[in-house]
Every structure is written in C-alpha cells, then in structure tokens.
Amino acid sequence: MRILTTAALALALSAPVLATPPAKPARLGLCAACHGEDGMARIPGAPNLAGQKLDYLREALRQYRDGRRDIPVMRAATGPLTDAELDQLAQWFSAQTPSRAAP
C-alpha cells in the first residue's frame, strides 16, 4: 500500500510539469510562414510538424543547418540558429496537436 501511495503522489506531482506547454520560440516566425505557427503546413509541399517526435525534429533541424540534409531553403532558414533555438523550435512543434485539414 505504501508503494502505491508513493507512486500516486509522484505521478500527481509530476503531472503539472508534464502538462506545461513550451514557450513560443522567438524564432518561430520564419518557420511558421511555411509550416504554420501550429505546425500545420500552410503551403503545398511543406510537411506538417505538429506532433512529430521531439528527437526526430531536433535532429532533422540540426541536419538541415549543418548541410547533412541538402535542402537549400531549409539550410538558409536554419543556418543562423543556435542549438538552443533549434531545441526550442523542436519542442514547440512536437508539443502542438495535429489537426485535420479543412475540406
């Protein structure tokens, strides 16, 4: 019973921390032009980023910036960003809820 109570208490105390959404990144504007502020693409050919896995987004952004993914527009967009800014963007987009496209 003691273990169950401890586990329930730990879960209850961690829930507010897990539910806290990330702050809106200062560098969101350029990304939002194509991918949408909510991570739902605004232009054809741009992928939806909402709800993607954090580690995937973080690594993909680094690969675009470093030239390991050779997409010139993404290289230009991510080139001046620091690791911390890339992390903020990855956290933001991974925390967004994907929505269905309007008919």
N, C-alpha and C. Protein backbone atom coordinates (compact mmCIF):
# COMPACT_ATOMS: atom_id res chain seq x y z
N MET A 1 0.82 -1.19 0.00
CA MET A 1 0.00 0.00 0.00
C MET A 1 0.87 1.26 0.00
N ARG A 2 1.98 1.20 0.73
CA ARG A 2 2.87 2.35 0.83
C ARG A 2 3.49 2.68 -0.54
N ILE A 3 3.85 1.65 -1.29
CA ILE A 3 4.43 1.86 -2.62
C ILE A 3 3.39 2.49 -3.55
N LEU A 4 2.17 2.01 -3.48
CA LEU A 4 1.10 2.56 -4.32
C LEU A 4 0.85 4.02 -4.00
N THR A 5 0.84 4.36 -2.74
CA THR A 5 0.63 5.75 -2.32
C THR A 5 1.78 6.64 -2.80
N THR A 6 3.01 6.15 -2.67
CA THR A 6 4.18 6.90 -3.12
C THR A 6 4.14 7.11 -4.63
N ALA A 7 3.78 6.07 -5.37
CA ALA A 7 3.70 6.17 -6.83
C ALA A 7 2.61 7.16 -7.24
N ALA A 8 1.46 7.10 -6.59
CA ALA A 8 0.37 8.02 -6.91
C ALA A 8 0.76 9.46 -6.61
N LEU A 9 1.45 9.67 -5.51
CA LEU A 9 1.90 11.01 -5.15
C LEU A 9 2.91 11.53 -6.15
N ALA A 10 3.85 10.70 -6.54
CA ALA A 10 4.86 11.10 -7.53
C ALA A 10 4.20 11.45 -8.87
N LEU A 11 3.24 10.67 -9.28
CA LEU A 11 2.53 10.94 -10.53
C LEU A 11 1.74 12.25 -10.44
N ALA A 12 1.08 12.46 -9.32
CA ALA A 12 0.29 13.68 -9.15
C ALA A 12 1.18 14.93 -9.17
N LEU A 13 2.35 14.83 -8.57
CA LEU A 13 3.25 15.98 -8.53
C LEU A 13 3.91 16.25 -9.87
N SER A 14 4.09 15.22 -10.68
CA SER A 14 4.74 15.41 -11.97
C SER A 14 3.76 15.81 -13.06
N ALA A 15 2.49 15.59 -12.90
CA ALA A 15 1.50 15.89 -13.94
C ALA A 15 1.50 17.36 -14.36
N PRO A 16 1.54 18.33 -13.44
CA PRO A 16 1.56 19.73 -13.87
C PRO A 16 2.82 20.08 -14.68
N VAL A 17 3.93 19.47 -14.35
CA VAL A 17 5.17 19.73 -15.08
C VAL A 17 5.05 19.20 -16.50
N LEU A 18 4.48 18.02 -16.65
CA LEU A 18 4.32 17.41 -17.97
C LEU A 18 3.31 18.18 -18.81
N ALA A 19 2.33 18.80 -18.18
CA ALA A 19 1.28 19.48 -18.91
C ALA A 19 1.66 20.90 -19.34
N THR A 20 2.76 21.43 -18.83
CA THR A 20 3.16 22.78 -19.16
C THR A 20 3.66 22.85 -20.60
N PRO A 21 2.97 23.62 -21.44
CA PRO A 21 3.42 23.72 -22.84
C PRO A 21 4.69 24.54 -22.94
N PRO A 22 5.49 24.28 -23.97
CA PRO A 22 6.71 25.08 -24.13
C PRO A 22 6.36 26.52 -24.52
N ALA A 23 7.25 27.42 -24.17
CA ALA A 23 7.06 28.82 -24.55
C ALA A 23 7.21 28.97 -26.06
N LYS A 24 6.49 29.93 -26.63
CA LYS A 24 6.59 30.17 -28.07
C LYS A 24 8.00 30.66 -28.39
N PRO A 25 8.69 29.97 -29.31
CA PRO A 25 10.06 30.37 -29.64
C PRO A 25 10.13 31.74 -30.30
N ALA A 26 11.17 32.47 -29.99
CA ALA A 26 11.36 33.79 -30.58
C ALA A 26 11.57 33.69 -32.09
N ARG A 27 12.13 32.58 -32.56
CA ARG A 27 12.45 32.42 -33.98
C ARG A 27 11.36 31.66 -34.75
N LEU A 28 10.16 31.61 -34.23
CA LEU A 28 9.07 30.84 -34.84
C LEU A 28 8.60 31.43 -36.17
N GLY A 29 8.69 32.73 -36.34
CA GLY A 29 8.12 33.41 -37.50
C GLY A 29 8.50 32.86 -38.85
N LEU A 30 9.78 32.65 -39.10
CA LEU A 30 10.21 32.16 -40.40
C LEU A 30 9.69 30.74 -40.64
N CYS A 31 9.71 29.90 -39.63
CA CYS A 31 9.20 28.53 -39.77
C CYS A 31 7.70 28.55 -40.05
N ALA A 32 7.00 29.42 -39.32
CA ALA A 32 5.54 29.49 -39.43
C ALA A 32 5.07 29.91 -40.81
N ALA A 33 5.90 30.62 -41.55
CA ALA A 33 5.50 31.05 -42.89
C ALA A 33 5.14 29.86 -43.77
N CYS A 34 5.84 28.76 -43.63
CA CYS A 34 5.56 27.56 -44.43
C CYS A 34 4.86 26.46 -43.63
N HIS A 35 5.33 26.25 -42.39
CA HIS A 35 4.85 25.12 -41.59
C HIS A 35 3.70 25.49 -40.66
N GLY A 36 3.34 26.77 -40.60
CA GLY A 36 2.27 27.22 -39.72
C GLY A 36 2.74 27.33 -38.28
N GLU A 37 2.24 28.32 -37.59
CA GLU A 37 2.61 28.50 -36.18
C GLU A 37 2.20 27.30 -35.35
N ASP A 38 1.12 26.65 -35.76
CA ASP A 38 0.63 25.47 -35.05
C ASP A 38 1.21 24.17 -35.60
N GLY A 39 2.14 24.27 -36.54
CA GLY A 39 2.77 23.09 -37.11
C GLY A 39 2.01 22.44 -38.24
N MET A 40 0.92 23.05 -38.66
CA MET A 40 0.13 22.54 -39.79
C MET A 40 0.49 23.38 -41.01
N ALA A 41 1.06 22.72 -42.02
CA ALA A 41 1.63 23.39 -43.19
C ALA A 41 0.64 24.34 -43.86
N ARG A 42 1.18 25.46 -44.32
CA ARG A 42 0.38 26.49 -44.98
C ARG A 42 0.54 26.48 -46.49
N ILE A 43 1.57 25.78 -46.98
CA ILE A 43 1.81 25.76 -48.42
C ILE A 43 1.98 24.31 -48.88
N PRO A 44 1.62 24.03 -50.12
CA PRO A 44 1.81 22.67 -50.64
C PRO A 44 3.29 22.28 -50.62
N GLY A 45 3.54 21.04 -50.27
CA GLY A 45 4.90 20.53 -50.25
C GLY A 45 5.62 20.69 -48.92
N ALA A 46 5.13 21.54 -48.05
CA ALA A 46 5.74 21.70 -46.73
C ALA A 46 5.10 20.68 -45.79
N PRO A 47 5.91 19.92 -45.06
CA PRO A 47 5.33 18.92 -44.16
C PRO A 47 4.74 19.54 -42.90
N ASN A 48 3.74 18.84 -42.37
CA ASN A 48 3.19 19.21 -41.07
C ASN A 48 4.20 18.80 -40.00
N LEU A 49 4.45 19.68 -39.05
CA LEU A 49 5.40 19.39 -37.98
C LEU A 49 4.71 19.12 -36.65
N ALA A 50 3.44 19.47 -36.54
CA ALA A 50 2.70 19.29 -35.29
C ALA A 50 2.71 17.83 -34.86
N GLY A 51 3.11 17.63 -33.61
CA GLY A 51 3.06 16.29 -33.03
C GLY A 51 4.17 15.35 -33.44
N GLN A 52 5.13 15.82 -34.24
CA GLN A 52 6.26 14.96 -34.60
C GLN A 52 7.09 14.69 -33.34
N LYS A 53 7.82 13.62 -33.34
CA LYS A 53 8.65 13.26 -32.18
C LYS A 53 9.76 14.30 -31.99
N LEU A 54 9.96 14.68 -30.74
CA LEU A 54 10.93 15.71 -30.38
C LEU A 54 12.33 15.37 -30.89
N ASP A 55 12.78 14.16 -30.65
CA ASP A 55 14.14 13.79 -31.07
C ASP A 55 14.29 13.85 -32.58
N TYR A 56 13.26 13.43 -33.30
CA TYR A 56 13.31 13.49 -34.77
C TYR A 56 13.43 14.94 -35.24
N LEU A 57 12.58 15.82 -34.72
CA LEU A 57 12.62 17.22 -35.13
C LEU A 57 13.96 17.87 -34.78
N ARG A 58 14.43 17.61 -33.59
CA ARG A 58 15.70 18.19 -33.14
C ARG A 58 16.83 17.78 -34.08
N GLU A 59 16.92 16.50 -34.41
CA GLU A 59 17.99 16.02 -35.27
C GLU A 59 17.80 16.50 -36.71
N ALA A 60 16.58 16.52 -37.20
CA ALA A 60 16.33 16.99 -38.57
C ALA A 60 16.74 18.46 -38.72
N LEU A 61 16.41 19.28 -37.75
CA LEU A 61 16.78 20.70 -37.81
C LEU A 61 18.30 20.86 -37.81
N ARG A 62 18.98 20.09 -37.00
CA ARG A 62 20.45 20.16 -36.99
C ARG A 62 21.03 19.71 -38.33
N GLN A 63 20.44 18.68 -38.92
CA GLN A 63 20.92 18.19 -40.21
C GLN A 63 20.70 19.22 -41.32
N TYR A 64 19.57 19.91 -41.30
CA TYR A 64 19.35 20.99 -42.28
C TYR A 64 20.38 22.09 -42.10
N ARG A 65 20.57 22.50 -40.85
CA ARG A 65 21.51 23.59 -40.57
C ARG A 65 22.93 23.23 -40.97
N ASP A 66 23.33 22.00 -40.68
CA ASP A 66 24.71 21.58 -40.93
C ASP A 66 24.95 21.12 -42.36
N GLY A 67 23.89 21.07 -43.18
CA GLY A 67 24.04 20.67 -44.57
C GLY A 67 23.99 19.18 -44.82
N ARG A 68 23.73 18.38 -43.79
CA ARG A 68 23.63 16.93 -43.99
C ARG A 68 22.34 16.57 -44.72
N ARG A 69 21.35 17.43 -44.65
CA ARG A 69 20.15 17.33 -45.49
C ARG A 69 20.25 18.51 -46.44
N ASP A 70 20.39 18.22 -47.70
CA ASP A 70 20.68 19.26 -48.68
C ASP A 70 19.41 19.86 -49.28
N ILE A 71 18.75 20.68 -48.50
CA ILE A 71 17.56 21.41 -48.94
C ILE A 71 17.89 22.89 -48.74
N PRO A 72 18.21 23.61 -49.82
CA PRO A 72 18.70 24.99 -49.70
C PRO A 72 17.81 25.92 -48.87
N VAL A 73 16.50 25.84 -49.06
CA VAL A 73 15.62 26.77 -48.32
C VAL A 73 15.68 26.48 -46.81
N MET A 74 15.77 25.21 -46.45
CA MET A 74 15.87 24.87 -45.04
C MET A 74 17.25 25.21 -44.48
N ARG A 75 18.26 25.06 -45.29
CA ARG A 75 19.62 25.42 -44.86
C ARG A 75 19.67 26.92 -44.58
N ALA A 76 19.06 27.70 -45.44
CA ALA A 76 19.04 29.16 -45.24
C ALA A 76 18.24 29.54 -43.99
N ALA A 77 17.13 28.83 -43.76
CA ALA A 77 16.28 29.15 -42.61
C ALA A 77 16.92 28.76 -41.29
N THR A 78 17.64 27.65 -41.26
CA THR A 78 18.20 27.15 -40.00
C THR A 78 19.66 27.55 -39.79
N GLY A 79 20.32 28.02 -40.84
CA GLY A 79 21.74 28.35 -40.77
C GLY A 79 22.14 29.24 -39.61
N PRO A 80 21.42 30.33 -39.36
CA PRO A 80 21.84 31.23 -38.28
C PRO A 80 21.37 30.82 -36.88
N LEU A 81 20.67 29.70 -36.76
CA LEU A 81 20.10 29.31 -35.46
C LEU A 81 21.10 28.55 -34.60
N THR A 82 21.05 28.82 -33.31
CA THR A 82 21.89 28.11 -32.33
C THR A 82 21.24 26.77 -31.98
N ASP A 83 21.98 25.91 -31.32
CA ASP A 83 21.41 24.65 -30.85
C ASP A 83 20.23 24.91 -29.92
N ALA A 84 20.34 25.90 -29.06
CA ALA A 84 19.25 26.21 -28.13
C ALA A 84 17.99 26.65 -28.89
N GLU A 85 18.16 27.44 -29.93
CA GLU A 85 17.00 27.88 -30.72
C GLU A 85 16.38 26.71 -31.49
N LEU A 86 17.21 25.83 -32.01
CA LEU A 86 16.69 24.64 -32.68
C LEU A 86 15.90 23.78 -31.70
N ASP A 87 16.42 23.64 -30.48
CA ASP A 87 15.71 22.86 -29.45
C ASP A 87 14.37 23.48 -29.12
N GLN A 88 14.32 24.80 -29.01
CA GLN A 88 13.05 25.48 -28.72
C GLN A 88 12.03 25.22 -29.82
N LEU A 89 12.48 25.30 -31.06
CA LEU A 89 11.57 25.05 -32.19
C LEU A 89 11.09 23.60 -32.19
N ALA A 90 12.00 22.66 -31.96
CA ALA A 90 11.62 21.25 -31.93
C ALA A 90 10.62 20.98 -30.81
N GLN A 91 10.87 21.57 -29.64
CA GLN A 91 9.94 21.39 -28.51
C GLN A 91 8.58 21.97 -28.83
N TRP A 92 8.57 23.15 -29.44
CA TRP A 92 7.31 23.81 -29.78
C TRP A 92 6.47 22.95 -30.73
N PHE A 93 7.08 22.56 -31.84
CA PHE A 93 6.31 21.82 -32.85
C PHE A 93 5.92 20.43 -32.36
N SER A 94 6.76 19.77 -31.58
CA SER A 94 6.39 18.44 -31.08
C SER A 94 5.24 18.51 -30.08
N ALA A 95 5.08 19.66 -29.41
CA ALA A 95 4.01 19.82 -28.43
C ALA A 95 2.68 20.22 -29.05
N GLN A 96 2.68 20.59 -30.32
CA GLN A 96 1.45 21.01 -30.99
C GLN A 96 0.61 19.78 -31.35
N THR A 97 -0.70 19.93 -31.33
CA THR A 97 -1.61 18.84 -31.66
C THR A 97 -1.95 18.91 -33.14
N PRO A 98 -1.70 17.83 -33.87
CA PRO A 98 -2.06 17.83 -35.29
C PRO A 98 -3.57 17.99 -35.45
N SER A 99 -3.97 18.68 -36.46
CA SER A 99 -5.41 18.84 -36.75
C SER A 99 -5.67 18.40 -38.17
N ARG A 100 -6.90 18.11 -38.44
CA ARG A 100 -7.27 17.71 -39.80
C ARG A 100 -7.36 18.93 -40.69
N ALA A 101 -7.00 18.73 -41.92
CA ALA A 101 -7.10 19.82 -42.91
C ALA A 101 -8.55 20.13 -43.18
N ALA A 102 -8.83 21.38 -43.46
CA ALA A 102 -10.20 21.78 -43.81
C ALA A 102 -10.58 21.17 -45.15
N PRO A 103 -11.84 20.72 -45.29
CA PRO A 103 -12.26 20.11 -46.56
C PRO A 103 -12.30 21.08 -47.70
